[in-house]
Amino acid sequence: MDVVEALNRRKSTRAFLQRGVDYALIEQILAAARHAPSGANTQPWQVAVVSGERKRQLQLRIEQAFRDGVTGKMDYLYYPTEWTEPYRSRRKECGLQLYSALHIERKDKDRQRAQWAANYRAFDAPVALFFFMDAGLQTGSFLDYGMFLQSLMLAAVEQGLATCPQAALGEYPAIVKRALGYPDNSVLICGMALGYEDPVATVNQYRTGRQEVAAFTRWFE
């Protein structure tokens, strides 16, 4: 598989087979991703691989906080405080596509809430990855981290695995850090579901659209 094919195949998978992922395979994927570039070779990534009973206990705590009405707050602002176009429309369309694939009506708040809660279980994938970095690092390290995460996801595709990068898994950082023994002042970037895709699940059948190159590119000579 070449890089372009992996890029085209990668998607956010939200339903997984109940099939474990060998730790040697996860290590192989991480070993490939570590070659991602970073400013001054800082390599800011710190990865927690969580599965089995440890994952079950952690996701129970996070999901319970959500169901108890505790408002999640990430260690940094991921989304804008005020949505403007074209980002507002893209965000809305993304949500509509998801609920349409799941046959969830706009007025069905209970099913919408249940679907959102699935985020905190990493969509029941066998493995959840959590990504941290030291608090003293700055904005450039977020750029480095993005390249690392994409490298990881492409390496996963090559190995026949599916992923879903999740900001939602970063919404309750205190719970995650306490459970996994990370310092309170570390930055929880996000999480990621990892496993084998359920190929018949309807939620895995849709793909969000992408802008054509001409829409975001200007050429200068």
N, C-alpha and C. Protein backbone atom coordinates (compact mmCIF):
# COMPACT_ATOMS: atom_id res chain seq x y z
N MET A 1 0.84 -1.20 0.00
CA MET A 1 0.00 0.00 0.00
C MET A 1 0.88 1.25 0.00
N ASP A 2 0.59 2.19 -0.92
CA ASP A 2 1.37 3.42 -0.92
C ASP A 2 0.69 4.47 -0.05
N VAL A 3 1.37 5.60 0.14
CA VAL A 3 0.88 6.64 1.05
C VAL A 3 -0.44 7.22 0.58
N VAL A 4 -0.57 7.47 -0.73
CA VAL A 4 -1.81 8.06 -1.25
C VAL A 4 -2.99 7.14 -1.00
N GLU A 5 -2.80 5.85 -1.19
CA GLU A 5 -3.88 4.90 -0.94
C GLU A 5 -4.26 4.90 0.54
N ALA A 6 -3.27 4.95 1.41
CA ALA A 6 -3.55 4.99 2.85
C ALA A 6 -4.31 6.26 3.22
N LEU A 7 -3.93 7.38 2.62
CA LEU A 7 -4.62 8.64 2.88
C LEU A 7 -6.09 8.55 2.45
N ASN A 8 -6.34 7.95 1.32
CA ASN A 8 -7.71 7.83 0.82
C ASN A 8 -8.54 6.83 1.63
N ARG A 9 -7.90 5.82 2.19
CA ARG A 9 -8.62 4.81 2.95
C ARG A 9 -8.92 5.25 4.38
N ARG A 10 -8.05 6.08 4.94
CA ARG A 10 -8.24 6.47 6.34
C ARG A 10 -9.56 7.19 6.54
N LYS A 11 -10.25 6.85 7.59
CA LYS A 11 -11.50 7.52 7.94
C LYS A 11 -11.71 7.39 9.44
N SER A 12 -12.66 8.14 9.96
CA SER A 12 -13.00 8.05 11.38
C SER A 12 -13.99 6.91 11.56
N THR A 13 -13.53 5.83 12.14
CA THR A 13 -14.34 4.63 12.32
C THR A 13 -15.03 4.68 13.68
N ARG A 14 -16.34 4.38 13.69
CA ARG A 14 -17.10 4.50 14.93
C ARG A 14 -17.79 3.20 15.35
N ALA A 15 -17.39 2.10 14.76
CA ALA A 15 -17.88 0.79 15.19
C ALA A 15 -16.77 -0.22 14.90
N PHE A 16 -16.45 -1.04 15.90
CA PHE A 16 -15.31 -1.94 15.82
C PHE A 16 -15.71 -3.37 16.14
N LEU A 17 -14.96 -4.30 15.58
CA LEU A 17 -15.13 -5.70 15.92
C LEU A 17 -14.55 -5.94 17.32
N GLN A 18 -15.15 -6.87 18.04
CA GLN A 18 -14.62 -7.23 19.35
C GLN A 18 -13.48 -8.22 19.17
N ARG A 19 -12.42 -7.71 18.63
CA ARG A 19 -11.21 -8.48 18.34
C ARG A 19 -10.01 -7.70 18.85
N GLY A 20 -9.24 -8.31 19.70
CA GLY A 20 -8.11 -7.62 20.28
C GLY A 20 -7.03 -7.28 19.27
N VAL A 21 -6.21 -6.30 19.63
CA VAL A 21 -5.08 -5.90 18.78
C VAL A 21 -3.79 -6.29 19.50
N ASP A 22 -2.96 -7.05 18.83
CA ASP A 22 -1.71 -7.50 19.43
C ASP A 22 -0.82 -6.31 19.78
N TYR A 23 -0.24 -6.35 20.97
CA TYR A 23 0.60 -5.24 21.41
C TYR A 23 1.81 -5.05 20.50
N ALA A 24 2.33 -6.13 19.94
CA ALA A 24 3.47 -6.01 19.03
C ALA A 24 3.10 -5.21 17.79
N LEU A 25 1.86 -5.34 17.35
CA LEU A 25 1.40 -4.59 16.18
C LEU A 25 1.25 -3.11 16.53
N ILE A 26 0.73 -2.82 17.72
CA ILE A 26 0.62 -1.42 18.16
C ILE A 26 2.00 -0.79 18.27
N GLU A 27 2.94 -1.55 18.82
CA GLU A 27 4.30 -1.03 18.94
C GLU A 27 4.91 -0.76 17.57
N GLN A 28 4.60 -1.62 16.60
CA GLN A 28 5.10 -1.43 15.24
C GLN A 28 4.55 -0.14 14.63
N ILE A 29 3.27 0.13 14.87
CA ILE A 29 2.65 1.35 14.36
C ILE A 29 3.28 2.59 15.00
N LEU A 30 3.48 2.53 16.31
CA LEU A 30 4.09 3.65 17.02
C LEU A 30 5.54 3.86 16.56
N ALA A 31 6.23 2.76 16.28
CA ALA A 31 7.61 2.86 15.82
C ALA A 31 7.69 3.57 14.47
N ALA A 32 6.67 3.37 13.63
CA ALA A 32 6.63 4.07 12.35
C ALA A 32 6.29 5.55 12.55
N ALA A 33 5.30 5.82 13.41
CA ALA A 33 4.83 7.19 13.63
C ALA A 33 5.89 8.07 14.26
N ARG A 34 6.80 7.49 15.02
CA ARG A 34 7.82 8.29 15.72
C ARG A 34 8.75 9.02 14.76
N HIS A 35 8.72 8.65 13.48
CA HIS A 35 9.55 9.32 12.49
C HIS A 35 8.89 10.61 11.98
N ALA A 36 7.75 10.97 12.52
CA ALA A 36 7.12 12.24 12.16
C ALA A 36 8.06 13.40 12.52
N PRO A 37 8.02 14.48 11.74
CA PRO A 37 8.90 15.62 12.04
C PRO A 37 8.42 16.39 13.25
N SER A 38 9.34 17.07 13.90
CA SER A 38 9.00 17.97 15.00
C SER A 38 10.04 19.07 15.07
N GLY A 39 9.63 20.26 15.47
CA GLY A 39 10.54 21.40 15.54
C GLY A 39 11.71 21.13 16.46
N ALA A 40 12.92 21.32 15.96
CA ALA A 40 14.15 21.08 16.72
C ALA A 40 14.22 19.66 17.27
N ASN A 41 13.51 18.74 16.61
CA ASN A 41 13.47 17.33 17.01
C ASN A 41 13.01 17.16 18.46
N THR A 42 12.05 17.99 18.88
CA THR A 42 11.58 17.94 20.27
C THR A 42 10.79 16.67 20.58
N GLN A 43 10.13 16.08 19.57
CA GLN A 43 9.37 14.84 19.77
C GLN A 43 8.46 14.94 21.01
N PRO A 44 7.45 15.80 20.98
CA PRO A 44 6.67 16.08 22.19
C PRO A 44 5.69 14.99 22.61
N TRP A 45 5.55 13.95 21.81
CA TRP A 45 4.50 12.96 22.06
C TRP A 45 4.80 12.03 23.24
N GLN A 46 3.75 11.80 24.02
CA GLN A 46 3.74 10.81 25.09
C GLN A 46 2.43 10.05 24.95
N VAL A 47 2.50 8.75 24.81
CA VAL A 47 1.33 7.95 24.44
C VAL A 47 1.00 6.93 25.53
N ALA A 48 -0.27 6.87 25.90
CA ALA A 48 -0.78 5.84 26.80
C ALA A 48 -1.65 4.89 25.99
N VAL A 49 -1.31 3.62 26.01
CA VAL A 49 -2.08 2.57 25.32
C VAL A 49 -2.93 1.87 26.37
N VAL A 50 -4.25 1.98 26.24
CA VAL A 50 -5.15 1.49 27.29
C VAL A 50 -6.11 0.45 26.69
N SER A 51 -6.18 -0.70 27.33
CA SER A 51 -7.07 -1.75 26.85
C SER A 51 -7.53 -2.59 28.04
N GLY A 52 -8.33 -3.60 27.74
CA GLY A 52 -8.76 -4.55 28.77
C GLY A 52 -9.51 -3.90 29.92
N GLU A 53 -9.28 -4.42 31.12
CA GLU A 53 -9.99 -3.94 32.31
C GLU A 53 -9.66 -2.48 32.62
N ARG A 54 -8.43 -2.09 32.36
CA ARG A 54 -8.05 -0.70 32.63
C ARG A 54 -8.87 0.25 31.76
N LYS A 55 -9.08 -0.11 30.52
CA LYS A 55 -9.91 0.71 29.64
C LYS A 55 -11.35 0.73 30.12
N ARG A 56 -11.87 -0.42 30.48
CA ARG A 56 -13.26 -0.49 30.93
C ARG A 56 -13.50 0.40 32.14
N GLN A 57 -12.60 0.36 33.09
CA GLN A 57 -12.75 1.17 34.30
C GLN A 57 -12.65 2.66 33.99
N LEU A 58 -11.70 3.02 33.13
CA LEU A 58 -11.52 4.44 32.80
C LEU A 58 -12.72 4.98 32.05
N GLN A 59 -13.20 4.25 31.05
CA GLN A 59 -14.33 4.76 30.27
C GLN A 59 -15.59 4.83 31.11
N LEU A 60 -15.75 3.95 32.09
CA LEU A 60 -16.89 4.04 33.00
C LEU A 60 -16.87 5.35 33.78
N ARG A 61 -15.69 5.75 34.24
CA ARG A 61 -15.56 7.00 35.01
C ARG A 61 -15.86 8.21 34.13
N ILE A 62 -15.33 8.19 32.92
CA ILE A 62 -15.55 9.33 32.03
C ILE A 62 -17.02 9.42 31.64
N GLU A 63 -17.60 8.29 31.24
CA GLU A 63 -19.00 8.30 30.81
C GLU A 63 -19.92 8.67 31.95
N GLN A 64 -19.60 8.23 33.16
CA GLN A 64 -20.44 8.57 34.31
C GLN A 64 -20.41 10.07 34.57
N ALA A 65 -19.24 10.67 34.44
CA ALA A 65 -19.14 12.13 34.62
C ALA A 65 -20.03 12.84 33.60
N PHE A 66 -20.01 12.37 32.37
CA PHE A 66 -20.86 12.94 31.32
C PHE A 66 -22.33 12.79 31.66
N ARG A 67 -22.73 11.59 32.07
CA ARG A 67 -24.14 11.35 32.37
C ARG A 67 -24.59 12.08 33.64
N ASP A 68 -23.65 12.39 34.51
CA ASP A 68 -23.98 13.15 35.72
C ASP A 68 -24.09 14.64 35.46
N GLY A 69 -23.84 15.04 34.22
CA GLY A 69 -23.96 16.45 33.86
C GLY A 69 -22.72 17.27 34.09
N VAL A 70 -21.58 16.62 34.35
CA VAL A 70 -20.33 17.35 34.52
C VAL A 70 -19.86 17.82 33.15
N THR A 71 -19.69 19.11 33.01
CA THR A 71 -19.27 19.67 31.73
C THR A 71 -17.79 19.41 31.48
N GLY A 72 -17.50 18.76 30.37
CA GLY A 72 -16.11 18.48 30.04
C GLY A 72 -15.37 19.73 29.61
N LYS A 73 -14.09 19.81 29.95
CA LYS A 73 -13.28 20.95 29.55
C LYS A 73 -11.87 20.47 29.24
N MET A 74 -11.48 20.61 27.99
CA MET A 74 -10.16 20.19 27.57
C MET A 74 -9.08 21.09 28.16
N ASP A 75 -7.85 20.64 28.07
CA ASP A 75 -6.72 21.42 28.58
C ASP A 75 -6.41 22.63 27.71
N TYR A 76 -7.05 22.74 26.57
CA TYR A 76 -6.83 23.86 25.65
C TYR A 76 -8.10 24.04 24.84
N LEU A 77 -8.23 25.16 24.16
CA LEU A 77 -9.39 25.41 23.32
C LEU A 77 -9.19 24.74 21.96
N TYR A 78 -10.01 23.75 21.68
CA TYR A 78 -9.92 23.05 20.40
C TYR A 78 -10.72 23.78 19.33
N TYR A 79 -11.96 24.12 19.66
CA TYR A 79 -12.86 24.75 18.69
C TYR A 79 -12.98 26.26 18.95
N PRO A 80 -13.39 27.02 17.95
CA PRO A 80 -13.60 28.46 18.16
C PRO A 80 -14.74 28.72 19.14
N THR A 81 -14.67 29.82 19.83
CA THR A 81 -15.74 30.18 20.76
C THR A 81 -16.97 30.67 20.02
N GLU A 82 -16.77 31.14 18.77
CA GLU A 82 -17.89 31.57 17.93
C GLU A 82 -17.67 31.04 16.52
N TRP A 83 -18.63 30.28 16.03
CA TRP A 83 -18.49 29.66 14.71
C TRP A 83 -18.88 30.64 13.60
N THR A 84 -18.05 30.72 12.57
CA THR A 84 -18.33 31.55 11.39
C THR A 84 -18.28 30.65 10.16
N GLU A 85 -18.75 31.19 9.04
CA GLU A 85 -18.71 30.44 7.78
C GLU A 85 -17.30 30.46 7.18
N PRO A 86 -16.89 29.40 6.51
CA PRO A 86 -17.69 28.22 6.14
C PRO A 86 -17.69 27.11 7.18
N TYR A 87 -17.03 27.37 8.33
CA TYR A 87 -16.80 26.32 9.31
C TYR A 87 -18.09 25.90 10.01
N ARG A 88 -19.00 26.86 10.21
CA ARG A 88 -20.28 26.52 10.83
C ARG A 88 -21.04 25.50 9.98
N SER A 89 -21.10 25.74 8.69
CA SER A 89 -21.84 24.85 7.80
C SER A 89 -21.18 23.48 7.69
N ARG A 90 -19.86 23.45 7.65
CA ARG A 90 -19.16 22.17 7.57
C ARG A 90 -19.41 21.35 8.84
N ARG A 91 -19.37 22.01 9.97
CA ARG A 91 -19.63 21.32 11.24
C ARG A 91 -21.04 20.76 11.28
N LYS A 92 -21.99 21.56 10.85
CA LYS A 92 -23.39 21.12 10.85
C LYS A 92 -23.59 19.93 9.92
N GLU A 93 -23.01 20.00 8.73
CA GLU A 93 -23.15 18.91 7.76
C GLU A 93 -22.53 17.62 8.28
N CYS A 94 -21.41 17.75 8.97
CA CYS A 94 -20.75 16.57 9.54
C CYS A 94 -21.68 15.87 10.53
N GLY A 95 -22.31 16.64 11.42
CA GLY A 95 -23.23 16.07 12.38
C GLY A 95 -24.45 15.45 11.74
N LEU A 96 -24.98 16.12 10.72
CA LEU A 96 -26.16 15.60 10.03
C LEU A 96 -25.86 14.28 9.33
N GLN A 97 -24.68 14.17 8.75
CA GLN A 97 -24.29 12.93 8.08
C GLN A 97 -24.20 11.78 9.08
N LEU A 98 -23.62 12.06 10.24
CA LEU A 98 -23.49 11.03 11.26
C LEU A 98 -24.86 10.54 11.72
N TYR A 99 -25.74 11.46 12.07
CA TYR A 99 -27.06 11.08 12.58
C TYR A 99 -27.90 10.42 11.49
N SER A 100 -27.71 10.83 10.25
CA SER A 100 -28.42 10.20 9.15
C SER A 100 -27.98 8.75 8.98
N ALA A 101 -26.68 8.52 9.08
CA ALA A 101 -26.16 7.16 8.95
C ALA A 101 -26.68 6.25 10.06
N LEU A 102 -26.92 6.84 11.23
CA LEU A 102 -27.42 6.08 12.38
C LEU A 102 -28.94 6.09 12.47
N HIS A 103 -29.59 6.78 11.54
CA HIS A 103 -31.05 6.89 11.53
C HIS A 103 -31.56 7.51 12.83
N ILE A 104 -30.87 8.55 13.28
CA ILE A 104 -31.26 9.28 14.48
C ILE A 104 -31.94 10.57 14.05
N GLU A 105 -33.19 10.75 14.44
CA GLU A 105 -33.93 11.96 14.09
C GLU A 105 -33.42 13.16 14.89
N ARG A 106 -33.59 14.34 14.31
CA ARG A 106 -33.12 15.56 14.96
C ARG A 106 -33.76 15.77 16.33
N LYS A 107 -35.01 15.34 16.47
CA LYS A 107 -35.72 15.55 17.74
C LYS A 107 -35.43 14.45 18.77
N ASP A 108 -34.74 13.41 18.37
CA ASP A 108 -34.49 12.28 19.28
C ASP A 108 -33.25 12.57 20.12
N LYS A 109 -33.43 13.38 21.14
CA LYS A 109 -32.31 13.81 21.97
C LYS A 109 -31.71 12.66 22.78
N ASP A 110 -32.52 11.69 23.15
CA ASP A 110 -32.02 10.56 23.94
C ASP A 110 -31.01 9.74 23.14
N ARG A 111 -31.34 9.46 21.87
CA ARG A 111 -30.41 8.69 21.04
C ARG A 111 -29.18 9.51 20.68
N GLN A 112 -29.36 10.81 20.50
CA GLN A 112 -28.21 11.66 20.24
C GLN A 112 -27.26 11.66 21.43
N ARG A 113 -27.83 11.73 22.62
CA ARG A 113 -27.01 11.72 23.83
C ARG A 113 -26.31 10.37 24.00
N ALA A 114 -27.01 9.29 23.70
CA ALA A 114 -26.42 7.96 23.80
C ALA A 114 -25.26 7.81 22.82
N GLN A 115 -25.44 8.36 21.62
CA GLN A 115 -24.37 8.29 20.63
C GLN A 115 -23.17 9.10 21.08
N TRP A 116 -23.42 10.26 21.67
CA TRP A 116 -22.32 11.08 22.16
C TRP A 116 -21.57 10.36 23.28
N ALA A 117 -22.32 9.67 24.14
CA ALA A 117 -21.69 8.92 25.23
C ALA A 117 -20.74 7.85 24.71
N ALA A 118 -21.04 7.32 23.52
CA ALA A 118 -20.17 6.30 22.93
C ALA A 118 -18.76 6.83 22.68
N ASN A 119 -18.64 8.15 22.50
CA ASN A 119 -17.32 8.76 22.36
C ASN A 119 -16.42 8.39 23.53
N TYR A 120 -17.00 8.42 24.73
CA TYR A 120 -16.20 8.23 25.94
C TYR A 120 -15.82 6.77 26.17
N ARG A 121 -16.37 5.87 25.35
CA ARG A 121 -15.96 4.46 25.37
C ARG A 121 -15.04 4.16 24.19
N ALA A 122 -14.59 5.23 23.52
CA ALA A 122 -13.79 5.05 22.29
C ALA A 122 -14.53 4.16 21.31
N PHE A 123 -15.87 4.35 21.28
CA PHE A 123 -16.74 3.60 20.37
C PHE A 123 -16.57 2.09 20.53
N ASP A 124 -16.26 1.69 21.76
CA ASP A 124 -16.11 0.27 22.11
C ASP A 124 -14.99 -0.42 21.33
N ALA A 125 -14.03 0.35 20.87
CA ALA A 125 -12.83 -0.24 20.27
C ALA A 125 -12.05 -0.97 21.36
N PRO A 126 -11.29 -1.98 21.00
CA PRO A 126 -10.54 -2.72 22.03
C PRO A 126 -9.41 -1.92 22.65
N VAL A 127 -8.95 -0.88 21.96
CA VAL A 127 -7.83 -0.08 22.44
C VAL A 127 -8.17 1.40 22.35
N ALA A 128 -7.82 2.13 23.40
CA ALA A 128 -7.90 3.59 23.38
C ALA A 128 -6.50 4.14 23.60
N LEU A 129 -6.10 5.05 22.76
CA LEU A 129 -4.82 5.72 22.92
C LEU A 129 -5.07 7.13 23.46
N PHE A 130 -4.26 7.54 24.42
CA PHE A 130 -4.33 8.90 24.95
C PHE A 130 -2.98 9.57 24.73
N PHE A 131 -3.03 10.84 24.29
CA PHE A 131 -1.82 11.54 23.88
C PHE A 131 -1.59 12.75 24.78
N PHE A 132 -0.42 12.80 25.38
CA PHE A 132 -0.05 13.86 26.32
C PHE A 132 1.20 14.58 25.84
N MET A 133 1.39 15.80 26.37
CA MET A 133 2.67 16.48 26.21
C MET A 133 2.92 17.35 27.44
N ASP A 134 4.17 17.73 27.61
CA ASP A 134 4.54 18.54 28.77
C ASP A 134 3.92 19.93 28.68
N ALA A 135 3.58 20.47 29.85
CA ALA A 135 2.88 21.76 29.89
C ALA A 135 3.73 22.91 29.37
N GLY A 136 5.04 22.82 29.46
CA GLY A 136 5.90 23.93 29.06
C GLY A 136 6.04 24.10 27.57
N LEU A 137 5.58 23.14 26.79
CA LEU A 137 5.68 23.25 25.34
C LEU A 137 4.60 24.18 24.79
N GLN A 138 4.85 24.73 23.62
CA GLN A 138 3.99 25.78 23.09
C GLN A 138 3.27 25.34 21.81
N THR A 139 2.68 26.33 21.10
CA THR A 139 1.80 26.05 19.97
C THR A 139 2.45 25.20 18.90
N GLY A 140 3.73 25.40 18.66
CA GLY A 140 4.41 24.62 17.63
C GLY A 140 4.36 23.13 17.88
N SER A 141 4.32 22.75 19.16
CA SER A 141 4.28 21.32 19.49
C SER A 141 2.93 20.70 19.13
N PHE A 142 1.88 21.52 19.10
CA PHE A 142 0.59 21.01 18.62
C PHE A 142 0.68 20.66 17.13
N LEU A 143 1.41 21.49 16.38
CA LEU A 143 1.63 21.20 14.96
C LEU A 143 2.41 19.90 14.81
N ASP A 144 3.45 19.75 15.61
CA ASP A 144 4.23 18.50 15.59
C ASP A 144 3.34 17.30 15.91
N TYR A 145 2.48 17.47 16.89
CA TYR A 145 1.61 16.38 17.32
C TYR A 145 0.65 15.96 16.21
N GLY A 146 0.15 16.94 15.47
CA GLY A 146 -0.75 16.63 14.36
C GLY A 146 -0.08 15.74 13.33
N MET A 147 1.19 16.01 13.04
CA MET A 147 1.92 15.20 12.07
C MET A 147 2.16 13.80 12.62
N PHE A 148 2.40 13.70 13.92
CA PHE A 148 2.58 12.40 14.56
C PHE A 148 1.29 11.58 14.51
N LEU A 149 0.16 12.23 14.82
CA LEU A 149 -1.11 11.52 14.82
C LEU A 149 -1.49 11.02 13.43
N GLN A 150 -1.29 11.86 12.43
CA GLN A 150 -1.58 11.42 11.06
C GLN A 150 -0.67 10.27 10.66
N SER A 151 0.59 10.35 11.03
CA SER A 151 1.51 9.26 10.71
C SER A 151 1.06 7.97 11.36
N LEU A 152 0.61 8.06 12.60
CA LEU A 152 0.12 6.88 13.32
C LEU A 152 -1.10 6.28 12.62
N MET A 153 -2.03 7.13 12.20
CA MET A 153 -3.25 6.63 11.56
C MET A 153 -2.95 5.99 10.21
N LEU A 154 -2.02 6.55 9.46
CA LEU A 154 -1.67 5.96 8.17
C LEU A 154 -0.96 4.62 8.36
N ALA A 155 -0.10 4.53 9.37
CA ALA A 155 0.56 3.26 9.67
C ALA A 155 -0.46 2.21 10.09
N ALA A 156 -1.50 2.64 10.81
CA ALA A 156 -2.56 1.72 11.22
C ALA A 156 -3.32 1.19 10.01
N VAL A 157 -3.63 2.08 9.07
CA VAL A 157 -4.32 1.65 7.85
C VAL A 157 -3.51 0.59 7.12
N GLU A 158 -2.21 0.80 7.02
CA GLU A 158 -1.35 -0.15 6.33
C GLU A 158 -1.41 -1.54 6.96
N GLN A 159 -1.65 -1.57 8.28
CA GLN A 159 -1.70 -2.84 9.01
C GLN A 159 -3.12 -3.40 9.11
N GLY A 160 -4.06 -2.80 8.38
CA GLY A 160 -5.43 -3.31 8.38
C GLY A 160 -6.25 -2.89 9.58
N LEU A 161 -5.79 -1.87 10.29
CA LEU A 161 -6.49 -1.38 11.48
C LEU A 161 -7.24 -0.09 11.17
N ALA A 162 -8.22 0.19 12.02
CA ALA A 162 -9.04 1.39 11.87
C ALA A 162 -8.85 2.28 13.10
N THR A 163 -9.06 3.57 12.91
CA THR A 163 -8.88 4.53 13.99
C THR A 163 -9.99 5.56 13.97
N CYS A 164 -10.10 6.27 15.09
CA CYS A 164 -10.93 7.47 15.14
C CYS A 164 -10.27 8.44 16.12
N PRO A 165 -9.66 9.51 15.61
CA PRO A 165 -9.09 10.51 16.51
C PRO A 165 -10.22 11.25 17.22
N GLN A 166 -10.09 11.44 18.54
CA GLN A 166 -11.22 11.94 19.31
C GLN A 166 -10.83 13.06 20.27
N ALA A 167 -11.34 14.25 20.01
CA ALA A 167 -11.20 15.33 20.98
C ALA A 167 -12.00 15.01 22.24
N ALA A 168 -13.11 14.30 22.08
CA ALA A 168 -13.99 13.99 23.22
C ALA A 168 -13.24 13.26 24.33
N LEU A 169 -12.28 12.42 23.97
CA LEU A 169 -11.53 11.69 24.99
C LEU A 169 -10.59 12.60 25.78
N GLY A 170 -10.50 13.84 25.36
CA GLY A 170 -9.70 14.82 26.11
C GLY A 170 -10.54 15.77 26.94
N GLU A 171 -11.85 15.53 27.01
CA GLU A 171 -12.75 16.48 27.68
C GLU A 171 -12.76 16.35 29.20
N TYR A 172 -12.25 15.24 29.71
CA TYR A 172 -12.20 15.06 31.17
C TYR A 172 -10.76 14.72 31.57
N PRO A 173 -9.85 15.69 31.36
CA PRO A 173 -8.42 15.40 31.56
C PRO A 173 -8.05 14.99 32.98
N ALA A 174 -8.71 15.56 33.97
CA ALA A 174 -8.36 15.22 35.36
C ALA A 174 -8.62 13.75 35.64
N ILE A 175 -9.73 13.22 35.13
CA ILE A 175 -10.06 11.81 35.33
C ILE A 175 -9.02 10.92 34.67
N VAL A 176 -8.66 11.27 33.44
CA VAL A 176 -7.71 10.45 32.67
C VAL A 176 -6.33 10.49 33.32
N LYS A 177 -5.87 11.67 33.68
CA LYS A 177 -4.53 11.79 34.27
C LYS A 177 -4.45 11.05 35.60
N ARG A 178 -5.49 11.16 36.40
CA ARG A 178 -5.50 10.48 37.70
C ARG A 178 -5.48 8.97 37.51
N ALA A 179 -6.25 8.49 36.54
CA ALA A 179 -6.35 7.04 36.33
C ALA A 179 -5.06 6.46 35.76
N LEU A 180 -4.35 7.23 34.94
CA LEU A 180 -3.18 6.71 34.24
C LEU A 180 -1.86 7.19 34.85
N GLY A 181 -1.94 8.02 35.87
CA GLY A 181 -0.73 8.44 36.56
C GLY A 181 0.09 9.50 35.86
N TYR A 182 -0.56 10.35 35.07
CA TYR A 182 0.14 11.45 34.42
C TYR A 182 0.05 12.70 35.30
N PRO A 183 1.06 13.58 35.25
CA PRO A 183 1.04 14.79 36.09
C PRO A 183 -0.17 15.67 35.81
N ASP A 184 -0.65 16.34 36.84
CA ASP A 184 -1.81 17.22 36.69
C ASP A 184 -1.55 18.33 35.69
N ASN A 185 -0.30 18.79 35.59
CA ASN A 185 -0.01 19.91 34.69
C ASN A 185 0.39 19.47 33.29
N SER A 186 0.33 18.16 33.01
CA SER A 186 0.57 17.73 31.63
C SER A 186 -0.64 18.10 30.78
N VAL A 187 -0.45 18.15 29.48
CA VAL A 187 -1.53 18.52 28.56
C VAL A 187 -2.04 17.26 27.87
N LEU A 188 -3.32 16.96 28.06
CA LEU A 188 -3.95 15.86 27.35
C LEU A 188 -4.43 16.39 26.00
N ILE A 189 -3.80 15.96 24.93
CA ILE A 189 -4.10 16.48 23.59
C ILE A 189 -5.44 15.94 23.09
N CYS A 190 -5.58 14.63 23.09
CA CYS A 190 -6.78 13.98 22.59
C CYS A 190 -6.66 12.48 22.85
N GLY A 191 -7.62 11.73 22.37
CA GLY A 191 -7.54 10.28 22.41
C GLY A 191 -7.76 9.72 21.02
N MET A 192 -7.68 8.41 20.90
CA MET A 192 -7.90 7.77 19.61
C MET A 192 -8.39 6.34 19.83
N ALA A 193 -9.48 5.99 19.17
CA ALA A 193 -9.95 4.61 19.16
C ALA A 193 -9.12 3.83 18.14
N LEU A 194 -8.78 2.59 18.49
CA LEU A 194 -7.95 1.76 17.62
C LEU A 194 -8.45 0.32 17.66
N GLY A 195 -8.65 -0.26 16.50
CA GLY A 195 -9.09 -1.65 16.43
C GLY A 195 -9.37 -2.05 15.01
N TYR A 196 -10.16 -3.11 14.86
CA TYR A 196 -10.55 -3.60 13.53
C TYR A 196 -11.96 -3.13 13.22
N GLU A 197 -12.13 -2.52 12.07
CA GLU A 197 -13.43 -1.96 11.68
C GLU A 197 -14.51 -3.03 11.56
N ASP A 198 -15.70 -2.70 12.04
CA ASP A 198 -16.87 -3.52 11.76
C ASP A 198 -17.36 -3.13 10.37
N PRO A 199 -17.15 -3.97 9.36
CA PRO A 199 -17.43 -3.55 7.98
C PRO A 199 -18.91 -3.45 7.64
N VAL A 200 -19.79 -4.00 8.47
CA VAL A 200 -21.22 -3.97 8.15
C VAL A 200 -21.98 -2.90 8.94
N ALA A 201 -21.32 -2.27 9.90
CA ALA A 201 -21.98 -1.23 10.69
C ALA A 201 -22.31 -0.04 9.81
N THR A 202 -23.55 0.42 9.88
CA THR A 202 -23.98 1.52 9.01
C THR A 202 -23.21 2.80 9.29
N VAL A 203 -22.79 3.00 10.53
CA VAL A 203 -22.09 4.24 10.87
C VAL A 203 -20.74 4.33 10.18
N ASN A 204 -20.23 3.21 9.72
CA ASN A 204 -18.94 3.21 9.03
C ASN A 204 -19.06 3.35 7.51
N GLN A 205 -20.28 3.52 7.02
CA GLN A 205 -20.49 3.53 5.57
C GLN A 205 -20.41 4.93 4.95
N TYR A 206 -20.54 5.98 5.76
CA TYR A 206 -20.54 7.31 5.17
C TYR A 206 -19.15 7.94 5.26
N ARG A 207 -18.90 8.90 4.38
CA ARG A 207 -17.64 9.64 4.39
C ARG A 207 -17.94 11.13 4.28
N THR A 208 -17.29 11.91 5.09
CA THR A 208 -17.45 13.35 4.98
C THR A 208 -16.74 13.85 3.74
N GLY A 209 -17.25 14.94 3.18
CA GLY A 209 -16.68 15.48 1.95
C GLY A 209 -15.42 16.29 2.19
N ARG A 210 -14.69 16.55 1.15
CA ARG A 210 -13.49 17.38 1.20
C ARG A 210 -13.56 18.43 0.09
N GLN A 211 -13.00 19.60 0.37
CA GLN A 211 -12.92 20.65 -0.62
C GLN A 211 -11.99 20.24 -1.76
N GLU A 212 -12.31 20.69 -2.97
CA GLU A 212 -11.41 20.49 -4.09
C GLU A 212 -10.16 21.34 -3.90
N VAL A 213 -9.08 20.91 -4.50
CA VAL A 213 -7.81 21.62 -4.35
C VAL A 213 -7.94 23.10 -4.71
N ALA A 214 -8.69 23.39 -5.76
CA ALA A 214 -8.84 24.78 -6.22
C ALA A 214 -9.50 25.66 -5.17
N ALA A 215 -10.26 25.07 -4.25
CA ALA A 215 -10.98 25.85 -3.24
C ALA A 215 -10.06 26.37 -2.13
N PHE A 216 -8.91 25.72 -1.93
CA PHE A 216 -8.05 26.15 -0.82
C PHE A 216 -6.62 26.47 -1.25
N THR A 217 -6.37 26.52 -2.55
CA THR A 217 -5.00 26.71 -3.04
C THR A 217 -4.91 27.93 -3.93
N ARG A 218 -3.86 28.73 -3.73
CA ARG A 218 -3.53 29.84 -4.61
C ARG A 218 -2.13 29.60 -5.16
N TRP A 219 -1.95 29.84 -6.45
CA TRP A 219 -0.68 29.58 -7.11
C TRP A 219 0.01 30.91 -7.44
N PHE A 220 1.31 30.96 -7.20
CA PHE A 220 2.08 32.17 -7.48
C PHE A 220 3.34 31.80 -8.26
N GLU A 221 3.61 32.59 -9.29
CA GLU A 221 4.84 32.37 -10.09
C GLU A 221 5.59 33.68 -10.23
